[in-house]
């Protein structure tokens, strides 16, 4: 189906980072949002609840992407 040009398309899938749906949305001129953003911001929200501090979202995103590219090892997400 056609994706409207001004649409926002959110795919909850985070592996692969860019799904076929997101590629099609991008080609249609829509704003694609990857599931990695949902994953990272869920973690950031939990971090803030547990610690009372703002989460390092950029660090979390980079660690999540690095882990996915390496096959998802827990060691990749540890400092």
PDB file of N, CA and C in Angstrom:
ATOM      1  N   UNK A   1       0.827  -1.194   0.000  1.00  0.00           N
ATOM      2  CA  UNK A   1       0.000   0.000   0.000  1.00  0.00           C
ATOM      3  C   UNK A   1       0.864   1.248   0.000  1.00  0.00           C
ATOM      4  N   UNK A   2       0.270   2.341  -0.435  1.00  0.00           N
ATOM      5  CA  UNK A   2       1.009   3.601  -0.493  1.00  0.00           C
ATOM      6  C   UNK A   2       1.114   4.243   0.884  1.00  0.00           C
ATOM      7  N   UNK A   3       2.265   4.841   1.142  1.00  0.00           N
ATOM      8  CA  UNK A   3       2.503   5.557   2.394  1.00  0.00           C
ATOM      9  C   UNK A   3       2.453   7.044   2.079  1.00  0.00           C
ATOM     10  N   UNK A   4       1.600   7.814   2.748  1.00  0.00           N
ATOM     11  CA  UNK A   4       1.530   9.251   2.485  1.00  0.00           C
ATOM     12  C   UNK A   4       2.858   9.943   2.796  1.00  0.00           C
ATOM     13  N   UNK A   5       3.190  10.925   2.004  1.00  0.00           N
ATOM     14  CA  UNK A   5       4.460  11.620   2.140  1.00  0.00           C
ATOM     15  C   UNK A   5       4.721  12.262   3.483  1.00  0.00           C
ATOM     16  N   UNK A   6       3.726  12.775   4.141  1.00  0.00           N
ATOM     17  CA  UNK A   6       3.944  13.456   5.415  1.00  0.00           C
ATOM     18  C   UNK A   6       3.745  12.570   6.633  1.00  0.00           C
ATOM     19  N   UNK A   7       3.558  11.289   6.410  1.00  0.00           N
ATOM     20  CA  UNK A   7       3.260  10.367   7.512  1.00  0.00           C
ATOM     21  C   UNK A   7       4.478  10.122   8.398  1.00  0.00           C
ATOM     22  N   UNK A   8       4.213   9.683   9.597  1.00  0.00           N
ATOM     23  CA  UNK A   8       5.246   9.183  10.503  1.00  0.00           C
ATOM     24  C   UNK A   8       5.039   7.680  10.572  1.00  0.00           C
ATOM     25  N   UNK A   9       6.084   6.924  10.266  1.00  0.00           N
ATOM     26  CA  UNK A   9       5.985   5.467  10.252  1.00  0.00           C
ATOM     27  C   UNK A   9       6.907   4.906  11.325  1.00  0.00           C
ATOM     28  N   UNK A  10       6.311   4.240  12.302  1.00  0.00           N
ATOM     29  CA  UNK A  10       7.055   3.644  13.406  1.00  0.00           C
ATOM     30  C   UNK A  10       7.004   2.135  13.266  1.00  0.00           C
ATOM     31  N   UNK A  11       8.168   1.525  13.186  1.00  0.00           N
ATOM     32  CA  UNK A  11       8.261   0.070  13.136  1.00  0.00           C
ATOM     33  C   UNK A  11       8.901  -0.378  14.442  1.00  0.00           C
ATOM     34  N   UNK A  12       8.212  -1.208  15.208  1.00  0.00           N
ATOM     35  CA  UNK A  12       8.740  -1.645  16.502  1.00  0.00           C
ATOM     36  C   UNK A  12       9.898  -2.616  16.375  1.00  0.00           C
ATOM     37  N   UNK A  13      10.107  -3.148  15.191  1.00  0.00           N
ATOM     38  CA  UNK A  13      11.230  -4.056  14.954  1.00  0.00           C
ATOM     39  C   UNK A  13      12.527  -3.255  15.062  1.00  0.00           C
ATOM     40  N   UNK A  14      13.511  -3.786  15.789  1.00  0.00           N
ATOM     41  CA  UNK A  14      14.790  -3.073  15.901  1.00  0.00           C
ATOM     42  C   UNK A  14      15.956  -3.852  15.320  1.00  0.00           C
ATOM     43  N   UNK A  15      15.712  -5.027  14.826  1.00  0.00           N
ATOM     44  CA  UNK A  15      16.763  -5.791  14.157  1.00  0.00           C
ATOM     45  C   UNK A  15      16.146  -6.515  12.975  1.00  0.00           C
ATOM     46  N   UNK A  16      16.374  -6.001  11.776  1.00  0.00           N
ATOM     47  CA  UNK A  16      17.372  -5.020  11.367  1.00  0.00           C
ATOM     48  C   UNK A  16      16.954  -3.589  11.730  1.00  0.00           C
ATOM     49  N   UNK A  17      17.943  -2.721  11.798  1.00  0.00           N
ATOM     50  CA  UNK A  17      17.677  -1.326  12.143  1.00  0.00           C
ATOM     51  C   UNK A  17      16.770  -0.651  11.123  1.00  0.00           C
ATOM     52  N   UNK A  18      16.965  -0.957   9.857  1.00  0.00           N
ATOM     53  CA  UNK A  18      16.132  -0.369   8.806  1.00  0.00           C
ATOM     54  C   UNK A  18      15.379  -1.498   8.108  1.00  0.00           C
ATOM     55  N   UNK A  19      14.105  -1.625   8.430  1.00  0.00           N
ATOM     56  CA  UNK A  19      13.270  -2.665   7.841  1.00  0.00           C
ATOM     57  C   UNK A  19      12.776  -2.234   6.461  1.00  0.00           C
ATOM     58  N   UNK A  20      12.182  -3.165   5.775  1.00  0.00           N
ATOM     59  CA  UNK A  20      11.609  -2.855   4.456  1.00  0.00           C
ATOM     60  C   UNK A  20      10.549  -1.757   4.584  1.00  0.00           C
ATOM     61  N   UNK A  21       9.729  -1.843   5.636  1.00  0.00           N
ATOM     62  CA  UNK A  21       8.707  -0.815   5.864  1.00  0.00           C
ATOM     63  C   UNK A  21       9.340   0.563   6.002  1.00  0.00           C
ATOM     64  N   UNK A  22      10.412   0.666   6.783  1.00  0.00           N
ATOM     65  CA  UNK A  22      11.062   1.963   6.980  1.00  0.00           C
ATOM     66  C   UNK A  22      11.718   2.463   5.704  1.00  0.00           C
ATOM     67  N   UNK A  23      12.276   1.558   4.920  1.00  0.00           N
ATOM     68  CA  UNK A  23      12.856   1.949   3.630  1.00  0.00           C
ATOM     69  C   UNK A  23      11.778   2.494   2.704  1.00  0.00           C
ATOM     70  N   UNK A  24      10.629   1.822   2.662  1.00  0.00           N
ATOM     71  CA  UNK A  24       9.523   2.285   1.821  1.00  0.00           C
ATOM     72  C   UNK A  24       8.989   3.627   2.309  1.00  0.00           C
ATOM     73  N   UNK A  25       8.908   3.797   3.615  1.00  0.00           N
ATOM     74  CA  UNK A  25       8.447   5.065   4.179  1.00  0.00           C
ATOM     75  C   UNK A  25       9.390   6.200   3.794  1.00  0.00           C
ATOM     76  N   UNK A  26      10.675   5.937   3.883  1.00  0.00           N
ATOM     77  CA  UNK A  26      11.676   6.946   3.525  1.00  0.00           C
ATOM     78  C   UNK A  26      11.558   7.334   2.053  1.00  0.00           C
ATOM     79  N   UNK A  27      11.410   6.332   1.193  1.00  0.00           N
ATOM     80  CA  UNK A  27      11.248   6.611  -0.247  1.00  0.00           C
ATOM     81  C   UNK A  27       9.990   7.429  -0.526  1.00  0.00           C
ATOM     82  N   UNK A  28       8.951   7.231   0.279  1.00  0.00           N
ATOM     83  CA  UNK A  28       7.689   7.942   0.082  1.00  0.00           C
ATOM     84  C   UNK A  28       7.720   9.360   0.652  1.00  0.00           C
ATOM     85  N   UNK A  29       8.803   9.703   1.341  1.00  0.00           N
ATOM     86  CA  UNK A  29       8.900  11.027   1.940  1.00  0.00           C
ATOM     87  C   UNK A  29       8.292  11.111   3.333  1.00  0.00           C
ATOM     88  N   UNK A  30       8.022   9.963   3.930  1.00  0.00           N
ATOM     89  CA  UNK A  30       7.506   9.917   5.299  1.00  0.00           C
ATOM     90  C   UNK A  30       8.681   9.929   6.274  1.00  0.00           C
ATOM     91  N   UNK A  31       8.369  10.116   7.546  1.00  0.00           N
ATOM     92  CA  UNK A  31       9.415  10.098   8.568  1.00  0.00           C
ATOM     93  C   UNK A  31       9.478   8.698   9.178  1.00  0.00           C
ATOM     94  N   UNK A  32      10.557   7.943   8.918  1.00  0.00           N
ATOM     95  CA  UNK A  32      10.675   6.600   9.486  1.00  0.00           C
ATOM     96  C   UNK A  32      11.289   6.639  10.887  1.00  0.00           C
ATOM     97  N   UNK A  33      10.722   5.860  11.801  1.00  0.00           N
ATOM     98  CA  UNK A  33      11.259   5.745  13.156  1.00  0.00           C
ATOM     99  C   UNK A  33      11.461   4.267  13.450  1.00  0.00           C
ATOM    100  N   UNK A  34      12.692   3.909  13.770  1.00  0.00           N
ATOM    101  CA  UNK A  34      13.058   2.518  14.015  1.00  0.00           C
ATOM    102  C   UNK A  34      12.669   2.072  15.420  1.00  0.00           C
ATOM    103  N   UNK A  35      12.462   0.786  15.572  1.00  0.00           N
ATOM    104  CA  UNK A  35      12.173   0.212  16.876  1.00  0.00           C
ATOM    105  C   UNK A  35      13.291   0.429  17.880  1.00  0.00           C
ATOM    106  N   UNK A  36      14.499   0.695  17.398  1.00  0.00           N
ATOM    107  CA  UNK A  36      15.611   0.949  18.320  1.00  0.00           C
ATOM    108  C   UNK A  36      15.312   2.190  19.169  1.00  0.00           C
ATOM    109  N   UNK A  37      14.591   3.152  18.596  1.00  0.00           N
ATOM    110  CA  UNK A  37      14.230   4.357  19.354  1.00  0.00           C
ATOM    111  C   UNK A  37      13.282   4.010  20.496  1.00  0.00           C
ATOM    112  N   UNK A  38      12.322   3.127  20.229  1.00  0.00           N
ATOM    113  CA  UNK A  38      11.398   2.690  21.277  1.00  0.00           C
ATOM    114  C   UNK A  38      12.169   1.960  22.370  1.00  0.00           C
ATOM    115  N   UNK A  39      13.033   1.048  21.971  1.00  0.00           N
ATOM    116  CA  UNK A  39      13.839   0.286  22.924  1.00  0.00           C
ATOM    117  C   UNK A  39      14.677   1.214  23.807  1.00  0.00           C
ATOM    118  N   UNK A  40      15.357   2.159  23.183  1.00  0.00           N
ATOM    119  CA  UNK A  40      16.235   3.076  23.917  1.00  0.00           C
ATOM    120  C   UNK A  40      15.430   3.963  24.869  1.00  0.00           C
ATOM    121  N   UNK A  41      14.314   4.515  24.401  1.00  0.00           N
ATOM    122  CA  UNK A  41      13.543   5.412  25.258  1.00  0.00           C
ATOM    123  C   UNK A  41      12.787   4.673  26.357  1.00  0.00           C
ATOM    124  N   UNK A  42      12.435   3.402  26.141  1.00  0.00           N
ATOM    125  CA  UNK A  42      11.886   2.601  27.242  1.00  0.00           C
ATOM    126  C   UNK A  42      12.947   2.436  28.330  1.00  0.00           C
ATOM    127  N   UNK A  43      14.159   2.146  27.903  1.00  0.00           N
ATOM    128  CA  UNK A  43      15.262   2.006  28.850  1.00  0.00           C
ATOM    129  C   UNK A  43      15.570   3.312  29.557  1.00  0.00           C
ATOM    130  N   UNK A  44      15.512   4.416  28.817  1.00  0.00           N
ATOM    131  CA  UNK A  44      15.789   5.726  29.408  1.00  0.00           C
ATOM    132  C   UNK A  44      14.736   6.084  30.454  1.00  0.00           C
ATOM    133  N   UNK A  45      13.491   5.759  30.169  1.00  0.00           N
ATOM    134  CA  UNK A  45      12.413   6.027  31.122  1.00  0.00           C
ATOM    135  C   UNK A  45      12.625   5.216  32.401  1.00  0.00           C
ATOM    136  N   UNK A  46      12.950   3.943  32.240  1.00  0.00           N
ATOM    137  CA  UNK A  46      13.202   3.082  33.400  1.00  0.00           C
ATOM    138  C   UNK A  46      14.408   3.585  34.194  1.00  0.00           C
ATOM    139  N   UNK A  47      15.456   3.994  33.497  1.00  0.00           N
ATOM    140  CA  UNK A  47      16.653   4.524  34.154  1.00  0.00           C
ATOM    141  C   UNK A  47      16.285   5.708  35.043  1.00  0.00           C
ATOM    142  N   UNK A  48      15.482   6.627  34.493  1.00  0.00           N
ATOM    143  CA  UNK A  48      15.078   7.811  35.251  1.00  0.00           C
ATOM    144  C   UNK A  48      14.228   7.424  36.468  1.00  0.00           C
ATOM    145  N   UNK A  49      13.325   6.450  36.295  1.00  0.00           N
ATOM    146  CA  UNK A  49      12.504   5.992  37.425  1.00  0.00           C
ATOM    147  C   UNK A  49      13.354   5.388  38.536  1.00  0.00           C
ATOM    148  N   UNK A  50      14.326   4.592  38.155  1.00  0.00           N
ATOM    149  CA  UNK A  50      15.137   3.874  39.139  1.00  0.00           C
ATOM    150  C   UNK A  50      16.183   4.756  39.810  1.00  0.00           C
ATOM    151  N   UNK A  51      16.735   5.703  39.060  1.00  0.00           N
ATOM    152  CA  UNK A  51      17.857   6.480  39.588  1.00  0.00           C
ATOM    153  C   UNK A  51      17.511   7.922  39.925  1.00  0.00           C
ATOM    154  N   UNK A  52      16.423   8.441  39.350  1.00  0.00           N
ATOM    155  CA  UNK A  52      16.084   9.843  39.535  1.00  0.00           C
ATOM    156  C   UNK A  52      16.931  10.772  38.686  1.00  0.00           C
ATOM    157  N   UNK A  53      17.756  10.202  37.821  1.00  0.00           N
ATOM    158  CA  UNK A  53      18.624  11.007  36.949  1.00  0.00           C
ATOM    159  C   UNK A  53      18.207  10.829  35.493  1.00  0.00           C
ATOM    160  N   UNK A  54      18.549  11.810  34.677  1.00  0.00           N
ATOM    161  CA  UNK A  54      18.290  11.684  33.244  1.00  0.00           C
ATOM    162  C   UNK A  54      19.227  10.633  32.656  1.00  0.00           C
ATOM    163  N   UNK A  55      18.704   9.859  31.763  1.00  0.00           N
ATOM    164  CA  UNK A  55      19.483   8.790  31.139  1.00  0.00           C
ATOM    165  C   UNK A  55      20.377   9.338  30.031  1.00  0.00           C
ATOM    166  N   UNK A  56      21.531   8.728  29.831  1.00  0.00           N
ATOM    167  CA  UNK A  56      22.417   9.112  28.725  1.00  0.00           C
ATOM    168  C   UNK A  56      21.926   8.461  27.422  1.00  0.00           C
ATOM    169  N   UNK A  57      20.890   9.054  26.836  1.00  0.00           N
ATOM    170  CA  UNK A  57      20.200   8.450  25.692  1.00  0.00           C
ATOM    171  C   UNK A  57      21.151   8.165  24.534  1.00  0.00           C
ATOM    172  N   UNK A  58      22.019   9.096  24.205  1.00  0.00           N
ATOM    173  CA  UNK A  58      22.933   8.883  23.073  1.00  0.00           C
ATOM    174  C   UNK A  58      23.871   7.708  23.340  1.00  0.00           C
ATOM    175  N   UNK A  59      24.355   7.597  24.565  1.00  0.00           N
ATOM    176  CA  UNK A  59      25.234   6.483  24.943  1.00  0.00           C
ATOM    177  C   UNK A  59      24.461   5.170  24.863  1.00  0.00           C
ATOM    178  N   UNK A  60      23.236   5.189  25.348  1.00  0.00           N
ATOM    179  CA  UNK A  60      22.399   3.990  25.312  1.00  0.00           C
ATOM    180  C   UNK A  60      22.113   3.555  23.873  1.00  0.00           C
ATOM    181  N   UNK A  61      21.787   4.529  23.015  1.00  0.00           N
ATOM    182  CA  UNK A  61      21.509   4.214  21.609  1.00  0.00           C
ATOM    183  C   UNK A  61      22.749   3.615  20.947  1.00  0.00           C
ATOM    184  N   UNK A  62      23.896   4.232  21.163  1.00  0.00           N
ATOM    185  CA  UNK A  62      25.142   3.737  20.560  1.00  0.00           C
ATOM    186  C   UNK A  62      25.456   2.325  21.045  1.00  0.00           C
ATOM    187  N   UNK A  63      25.259   2.061  22.338  1.00  0.00           N
ATOM    188  CA  UNK A  63      25.526   0.724  22.882  1.00  0.00           C
ATOM    189  C   UNK A  63      24.569  -0.308  22.308  1.00  0.00           C
ATOM    190  N   UNK A  64      23.308   0.059  22.161  1.00  0.00           N
ATOM    191  CA  UNK A  64      22.320  -0.871  21.604  1.00  0.00           C
ATOM    192  C   UNK A  64      22.638  -1.202  20.154  1.00  0.00           C
ATOM    193  N   UNK A  65      22.985  -0.192  19.373  1.00  0.00           N
ATOM    194  CA  UNK A  65      23.325  -0.423  17.965  1.00  0.00           C
ATOM    195  C   UNK A  65      24.589  -1.260  17.859  1.00  0.00           C
ATOM    196  N   UNK A  66      25.580  -0.966  18.688  1.00  0.00           N
ATOM    197  CA  UNK A  66      26.820  -1.743  18.686  1.00  0.00           C
ATOM    198  C   UNK A  66      26.537  -3.206  19.013  1.00  0.00           C
ATOM    199  N   UNK A  67      25.697  -3.439  20.018  1.00  0.00           N
ATOM    200  CA  UNK A  67      25.354  -4.812  20.404  1.00  0.00           C
ATOM    201  C   UNK A  67      24.632  -5.538  19.275  1.00  0.00           C
ATOM    202  N   UNK A  68      23.717  -4.858  18.610  1.00  0.00           N
ATOM    203  CA  UNK A  68      22.996  -5.484  17.497  1.00  0.00           C
ATOM    204  C   UNK A  68      23.942  -5.850  16.359  1.00  0.00           C
ATOM    205  N   UNK A  69      24.868  -4.956  16.063  1.00  0.00           N
ATOM    206  CA  UNK A  69      25.806  -5.216  14.967  1.00  0.00           C
ATOM    207  C   UNK A  69      26.748  -6.368  15.284  1.00  0.00           C
ATOM    208  N   UNK A  70      26.997  -6.594  16.575  1.00  0.00           N
ATOM    209  CA  UNK A  70      27.889  -7.686  16.980  1.00  0.00           C
ATOM    210  C   UNK A  70      27.138  -8.960  17.322  1.00  0.00           C
ATOM    211  N   UNK A  71      25.847  -8.958  17.146  1.00  0.00           N
ATOM    212  CA  UNK A  71      25.076 -10.155  17.413  1.00  0.00           C
ATOM    213  C   UNK A  71      24.354 -10.149  18.743  1.00  0.00           C
ATOM    214  N   UNK A  72      24.338  -9.004  19.434  1.00  0.00           N
ATOM    215  CA  UNK A  72      23.529  -8.871  20.628  1.00  0.00           C
ATOM    216  C   UNK A  72      24.139  -9.340  21.929  1.00  0.00           C
ATOM    217  N   UNK A  73      25.448  -9.416  22.034  1.00  0.00           N
ATOM    218  CA  UNK A  73      26.094  -9.852  23.272  1.00  0.00           C
ATOM    219  C   UNK A  73      25.853  -8.855  24.398  1.00  0.00           C
ATOM    220  N   UNK A  74      25.528  -9.364  25.594  1.00  0.00           N
ATOM    221  CA  UNK A  74      25.347  -8.498  26.758  1.00  0.00           C
ATOM    222  C   UNK A  74      26.619  -7.726  27.086  1.00  0.00           C
ATOM    223  N   UNK A  75      27.773  -8.304  26.799  1.00  0.00           N
ATOM    224  CA  UNK A  75      29.045  -7.645  27.103  1.00  0.00           C
ATOM    225  C   UNK A  75      29.192  -6.335  26.345  1.00  0.00           C
ATOM    226  N   UNK A  76      28.554  -6.222  25.175  1.00  0.00           N
ATOM    227  CA  UNK A  76      28.658  -5.004  24.385  1.00  0.00           C
ATOM    228  C   UNK A  76      27.949  -3.827  25.036  1.00  0.00           C
ATOM    229  N   UNK A  77      26.995  -4.085  25.909  1.00  0.00           N
ATOM    230  CA  UNK A  77      26.233  -3.016  26.547  1.00  0.00           C
ATOM    231  C   UNK A  77      26.783  -2.630  27.911  1.00  0.00           C
ATOM    232  N   UNK A  78      27.832  -3.279  28.349  1.00  0.00           N
ATOM    233  CA  UNK A  78      28.407  -2.973  29.655  1.00  0.00           C
ATOM    234  C   UNK A  78      29.605  -2.054  29.481  1.00  0.00           C
ATOM    235  N   UNK A  79      29.729  -1.091  30.405  1.00  0.00           N
ATOM    236  CA  UNK A  79      30.790  -0.106  30.326  1.00  0.00           C
ATOM    237  C   UNK A  79      32.083  -0.601  30.666  1.00  0.00           C
TER     238      UNK A  79
END
